[in-house]
C-alpha atoms as a PDB file:
ATOM      1  CA  MET A   1      18.914   6.686  -3.211  1.00  0.00           C
ATOM      2  CA  ASP A   2      19.246   3.331  -5.347  1.00  0.00           C
ATOM      3  CA  GLY A   3      19.910   1.755  -1.951  1.00  0.00           C
ATOM      4  CA  LEU A   4      17.192   3.144   0.172  1.00  0.00           C
ATOM      5  CA  ARG A   5      14.522   2.240  -2.796  1.00  0.00           C
ATOM      6  CA  ASN A   6      16.542  -1.387  -3.024  1.00  0.00           C
ATOM      7  CA  VAL A   7      15.649  -1.763   0.940  1.00  0.00           C
ATOM      8  CA  LEU A   8      12.036  -0.063   0.937  1.00  0.00           C
ATOM      9  CA  ASN A   9      11.148  -2.710  -2.833  1.00  0.00           C
ATOM     10  CA  LYS A  10      12.652  -5.989  -0.299  1.00  0.00           C
ATOM     11  CA  PHE A  11      10.789  -4.604   2.713  1.00  0.00           C
ATOM     12  CA  LEU A  12       7.246  -4.338   0.932  1.00  0.00           C
ATOM     13  CA  ASN A  13       7.788  -7.207  -1.030  1.00  0.00           C
ATOM     14  CA  PHE A  14       8.688  -9.390   2.077  1.00  0.00           C
ATOM     15  CA  LEU A  15       5.556  -7.730   4.159  1.00  0.00           C
ATOM     16  CA  GLY A  16       3.492  -8.430   0.822  1.00  0.00           C
ATOM     17  CA  ALA A  17       4.542 -12.091   0.604  1.00  0.00           C
ATOM     18  CA  VAL A  18       4.071 -12.647   4.365  1.00  0.00           C
ATOM     19  CA  THR A  19       0.268 -11.297   4.520  1.00  0.00           C
ATOM     20  CA  PHE A  20      -0.390 -12.870   1.517  1.00  0.00           C
ATOM     21  CA  ALA A  21       0.521 -16.395   3.133  1.00  0.00           C
ATOM     22  CA  ALA A  22      -1.071 -15.775   6.272  1.00  0.00           C
ATOM     23  CA  MET A  23      -4.272 -14.792   3.919  1.00  0.00           C
ATOM     24  CA  VAL A  24      -3.903 -18.499   2.504  1.00  0.00           C
ATOM     25  CA  LEU A  25      -2.916 -19.765   5.726  1.00  0.00           C
ATOM     26  CA  LEU A  26      -6.037 -18.587   7.503  1.00  0.00           C
ATOM     27  CA  THR A  27      -8.460 -19.110   4.612  1.00  0.00           C
ATOM     28  CA  CYS A  28      -7.347 -22.759   4.723  1.00  0.00           C
ATOM     29  CA  TRP A  29      -7.627 -22.958   8.398  1.00  0.00           C
ATOM     30  CA  GLN A  30     -11.504 -21.326   8.360  1.00  0.00           C
ATOM     31  CA  VAL A  31     -12.361 -23.884   5.813  1.00  0.00           C
ATOM     32  CA  LEU A  32     -11.258 -26.504   7.767  1.00  0.00           C
ATOM     33  CA  THR A  33     -13.159 -25.432  10.888  1.00  0.00           C
ATOM     34  CA  ARG A  34     -16.503 -24.844   8.847  1.00  0.00           C
ATOM     35  CA  TYR A  35     -16.462 -27.841   6.765  1.00  0.00           C
ATOM     36  CA  VAL A  36     -14.437 -30.741   8.517  1.00  0.00           C
ATOM     37  CA  LEU A  37     -14.722 -29.279  12.215  1.00  0.00           C
ATOM     38  CA  GLY A  38     -18.437 -28.316  11.710  1.00  0.00           C
ATOM     39  CA  ASN A  39     -17.583 -24.853  14.383  1.00  0.00           C
ATOM     40  CA  PRO A  40     -16.207 -22.053  11.850  1.00  0.00           C
ATOM     41  CA  SER A  41     -13.591 -20.000  13.359  1.00  0.00           C
ATOM     42  CA  SER A  42     -14.860 -16.416  13.319  1.00  0.00           C
ATOM     43  CA  TRP A  43     -11.724 -14.216  14.021  1.00  0.00           C
ATOM     44  CA  SER A  44     -10.109 -16.139  10.826  1.00  0.00           C
ATOM     45  CA  GLU A  45     -12.289 -14.516   8.579  1.00  0.00           C
ATOM     46  CA  GLU A  46     -12.017 -11.144   9.738  1.00  0.00           C
ATOM     47  CA  LEU A  47      -8.585 -11.288  10.537  1.00  0.00           C
ATOM     48  CA  VAL A  48      -8.245 -12.211   6.318  1.00  0.00           C
ATOM     49  CA  SER A  49     -10.411  -8.755   5.967  1.00  0.00           C
ATOM     50  CA  TYR A  50      -7.824  -6.724   7.371  1.00  0.00           C
ATOM     51  CA  LEU A  51      -5.056  -8.350   6.118  1.00  0.00           C
ATOM     52  CA  PHE A  52      -6.416  -8.206   2.215  1.00  0.00           C
ATOM     53  CA  ALA A  53      -6.697  -4.689   3.003  1.00  0.00           C
ATOM     54  CA  TRP A  54      -3.378  -4.769   4.008  1.00  0.00           C
ATOM     55  CA  ALA A  55      -2.120  -6.313   1.090  1.00  0.00           C
ATOM     56  CA  THR A  56      -3.998  -3.885  -1.234  1.00  0.00           C
ATOM     57  CA  LEU A  57      -2.394  -0.851   0.775  1.00  0.00           C
ATOM     58  CA  ILE A  58       1.380  -2.934   0.283  1.00  0.00           C
ATOM     59  CA  GLY A  59       0.895  -3.294  -3.616  1.00  0.00           C
ATOM     60  CA  ALA A  60      -0.090  -0.128  -4.083  1.00  0.00           C
ATOM     61  CA  CYS A  61       3.246   0.640  -2.639  1.00  0.00           C
ATOM     62  CA  VAL A  62       5.201  -1.484  -4.767  1.00  0.00           C
ATOM     63  CA  VAL A  63       3.446   0.226  -7.761  1.00  0.00           C
ATOM     64  CA  SER A  64       4.485   3.393  -6.338  1.00  0.00           C
ATOM     65  CA  GLY A  65       7.974   2.631  -6.225  1.00  0.00           C
ATOM     66  CA  GLU A  66       7.894   1.024 -10.220  1.00  0.00           C
ATOM     67  CA  ARG A  67       5.984   3.898 -11.473  1.00  0.00           C
ATOM     68  CA  GLY A  68       4.037   1.923 -12.687  1.00  0.00           C
ATOM     69  CA  HIS A  69       0.894   4.345 -11.242  1.00  0.00           C
ATOM     70  CA  MET A  70      -2.094   4.653 -13.958  1.00  0.00           C
ATOM     71  CA  ASN A  71      -1.920   6.997 -16.727  1.00  0.00           C
ATOM     72  CA  ILE A  72      -2.908   7.276 -20.057  1.00  0.00           C
ATOM     73  CA  PRO A  73       0.871   7.663 -22.130  1.00  0.00           C
ATOM     74  CA  ILE A  74      -1.266   8.402 -25.762  1.00  0.00           C
ATOM     75  CA  VAL A  75      -0.453  12.094 -25.138  1.00  0.00           C
ATOM     76  CA  VAL A  76       2.362  12.538 -23.367  1.00  0.00           C
ATOM     77  CA  GLU A  77       4.419  10.254 -25.355  1.00  0.00           C
ATOM     78  CA  LYS A  78       3.814  12.754 -28.702  1.00  0.00           C
ATOM     79  CA  MET A  79       5.513  15.594 -26.772  1.00  0.00           C
ATOM     80  CA  GLY A  80       9.008  16.425 -26.554  1.00  0.00           C
ATOM     81  CA  GLU A  81      11.324  15.124 -23.981  1.00  0.00           C
ATOM     82  CA  ASN A  82      11.389  17.738 -21.531  1.00  0.00           C
ATOM     83  CA  ALA A  83       7.572  18.176 -21.674  1.00  0.00           C
ATOM     84  CA  GLN A  84       7.244  14.277 -20.915  1.00  0.00           C
ATOM     85  CA  LYS A  85       9.763  15.367 -17.818  1.00  0.00           C
ATOM     86  CA  ILE A  86       7.568  17.769 -16.489  1.00  0.00           C
ATOM     87  CA  PHE A  87       4.129  15.601 -17.029  1.00  0.00           C
ATOM     88  CA  LYS A  88       6.011  13.070 -15.178  1.00  0.00           C
ATOM     89  CA  ILE A  89       6.841  15.018 -12.776  1.00  0.00           C
ATOM     90  CA  PHE A  90       3.900  16.652 -12.198  1.00  0.00           C
ATOM     91  CA  ALA A  91       2.259  12.827 -12.016  1.00  0.00           C
ATOM     92  CA  GLU A  92       4.688  12.263  -9.157  1.00  0.00           C
ATOM     93  CA  VAL A  93       3.697  15.766  -7.193  1.00  0.00           C
ATOM     94  CA  ILE A  94      -0.351  14.520  -7.466  1.00  0.00           C
ATOM     95  CA  ALA A  95       0.940  11.443  -6.142  1.00  0.00           C
ATOM     96  CA  PHE A  96       3.151  12.869  -3.053  1.00  0.00           C
ATOM     97  CA  LEU A  97      -0.194  15.355  -2.586  1.00  0.00           C
ATOM     98  CA  PHE A  98      -2.839  12.488  -2.497  1.00  0.00           C
ATOM     99  CA  SER A  99      -0.375  10.399  -0.198  1.00  0.00           C
ATOM    100  CA  GLY A 100      -0.051  13.203   2.251  1.00  0.00           C
ATOM    101  CA  ILE A 101      -3.169  14.276   2.371  1.00  0.00           C
ATOM    102  CA  ILE A 102      -5.435  11.071   1.934  1.00  0.00           C
ATOM    103  CA  LEU A 103      -2.834   8.197   3.297  1.00  0.00           C
ATOM    104  CA  THR A 104      -0.956  10.184   5.705  1.00  0.00           C
ATOM    105  CA  TYR A 105      -3.092  12.837   7.230  1.00  0.00           C
ATOM    106  CA  GLY A 106      -6.562  11.079   6.708  1.00  0.00           C
ATOM    107  CA  GLY A 107      -4.892   7.659   7.960  1.00  0.00           C
ATOM    108  CA  VAL A 108      -3.905   9.556  11.351  1.00  0.00           C
ATOM    109  CA  GLN A 109      -7.128  10.976  12.064  1.00  0.00           C
ATOM    110  CA  ILE A 110      -9.077   7.955  11.280  1.00  0.00           C
ATOM    111  CA  THR A 111      -6.515   5.454  13.090  1.00  0.00           C
ATOM    112  CA  SER A 112      -6.912   7.844  16.019  1.00  0.00           C
ATOM    113  CA  LEU A 113     -10.726   7.592  15.683  1.00  0.00           C
ATOM    114  CA  ALA A 114     -10.725   3.681  15.494  1.00  0.00           C
ATOM    115  CA  MET A 115      -8.415   3.329  18.305  1.00  0.00           C
ATOM    116  CA  GLY A 116     -11.639   3.430  21.078  1.00  0.00           C
ATOM    117  CA  GLN A 117     -13.267   0.739  18.924  1.00  0.00           C
ATOM    118  CA  LEU A 118     -13.074  -2.992  19.409  1.00  0.00           C
ATOM    119  CA  THR A 119     -12.925  -5.671  16.582  1.00  0.00           C
ATOM    120  CA  SER A 120     -15.957  -7.903  16.633  1.00  0.00           C
ATOM    121  CA  SER A 121     -14.481 -11.252  16.739  1.00  0.00           C
ATOM    122  CA  LEU A 122     -10.588 -10.257  17.350  1.00  0.00           C
ATOM    123  CA  GLY A 123     -11.094  -7.563  20.143  1.00  0.00           C
ATOM    124  CA  VAL A 124      -8.005  -5.795  18.574  1.00  0.00           C
ATOM    125  CA  ALA A 125      -8.474  -1.907  18.479  1.00  0.00           C
ATOM    126  CA  ILE A 126      -9.273  -1.409  14.889  1.00  0.00           C
ATOM    127  CA  GLY A 127      -7.065   1.896  14.927  1.00  0.00           C
ATOM    128  CA  VAL A 128      -4.233  -1.251  14.611  1.00  0.00           C
ATOM    129  CA  PHE A 129      -5.563  -2.206  11.489  1.00  0.00           C
ATOM    130  CA  TYR A 130      -5.289   0.874   9.970  1.00  0.00           C
ATOM    131  CA  ILE A 131      -2.304   2.541  11.042  1.00  0.00           C
ATOM    132  CA  ILE A 132      -1.249   0.910   7.528  1.00  0.00           C
ATOM    133  CA  LEU A 133      -2.641   3.689   6.062  1.00  0.00           C
ATOM    134  CA  PRO A 134      -0.341   6.678   7.630  1.00  0.00           C
ATOM    135  CA  VAL A 135       2.554   4.209   7.229  1.00  0.00           C
ATOM    136  CA  CYS A 136       1.637   3.435   3.279  1.00  0.00           C
ATOM    137  CA  GLY A 137       0.787   6.961   2.675  1.00  0.00           C
ATOM    138  CA  ILE A 138       5.136   7.738   3.977  1.00  0.00           C
ATOM    139  CA  VAL A 139       6.209   4.762   1.684  1.00  0.00           C
ATOM    140  CA  ASN A 140       4.489   6.560  -1.066  1.00  0.00           C
ATOM    141  CA  MET A 141       5.377   9.814  -0.254  1.00  0.00           C
ATOM    142  CA  LEU A 142       9.141   8.882  -0.050  1.00  0.00           C
ATOM    143  CA  TYR A 143       8.991   6.701  -3.138  1.00  0.00           C
ATOM    144  CA  SER A 144       7.314   9.928  -4.951  1.00  0.00           C
ATOM    145  CA  ILE A 145      10.560  12.080  -4.239  1.00  0.00           C
ATOM    146  CA  LEU A 146      12.751   9.304  -5.065  1.00  0.00           C
ATOM    147  CA  ASN A 147      10.872   8.800  -8.699  1.00  0.00           C
ATOM    148  CA  VAL A 148      11.477  12.641  -9.131  1.00  0.00           C
ATOM    149  CA  ILE A 149      15.022  12.408  -8.535  1.00  0.00           C
ATOM    150  CA  ASP A 150      15.228   9.288 -10.612  1.00  0.00           C
ATOM    151  CA  ILE A 151      13.086  11.437 -13.233  1.00  0.00           C
ATOM    152  CA  CYS A 152      15.614  14.513 -13.229  1.00  0.00           C
ATOM    153  CA  LYS A 153      18.307  12.219 -13.721  1.00  0.00           C
ATOM    154  CA  GLY A 154      16.722  10.830 -17.174  1.00  0.00           C
ATOM    155  CA  LYS A 155      16.314   7.368 -15.437  1.00  0.00           C
ATOM    156  CA  GLU A 156      13.332   5.338 -16.372  1.00  0.00           C
ATOM    157  CA  ALA A 157      11.123   3.273 -14.742  1.00  0.00           C
END
């Protein structure tokens, strides 16, 4: 299971870095075309907006893999070891359900609806950019399963 986690972590970190680098380059291109060439590039601004959403969702997957979701540990830390385990598993089940229902199921629905709409500047189906929702939902669900296995084995995040 650690092998799968390592592969996912490396892939997501690489994808996040590429997305961030593309955003930086496209933003520099936008500045250059607007202020130096006097002819702003509208497609690059739109693409950066979509890449920002992708970077956010990829980052959420990375945080999920590190078991770094938001929590309020003050109450749980005062409980016994078994109760802490149960609450950690409960948190992973909630994350799994959210990823399955909202990101995966909802993402498939919105992606298929948006395939008929084109972006204004790029002329690409909007659904192509929404495909990251179900993909990240599946990755988050995978991480939740791996996290529950680690919690049961007593491994810390």
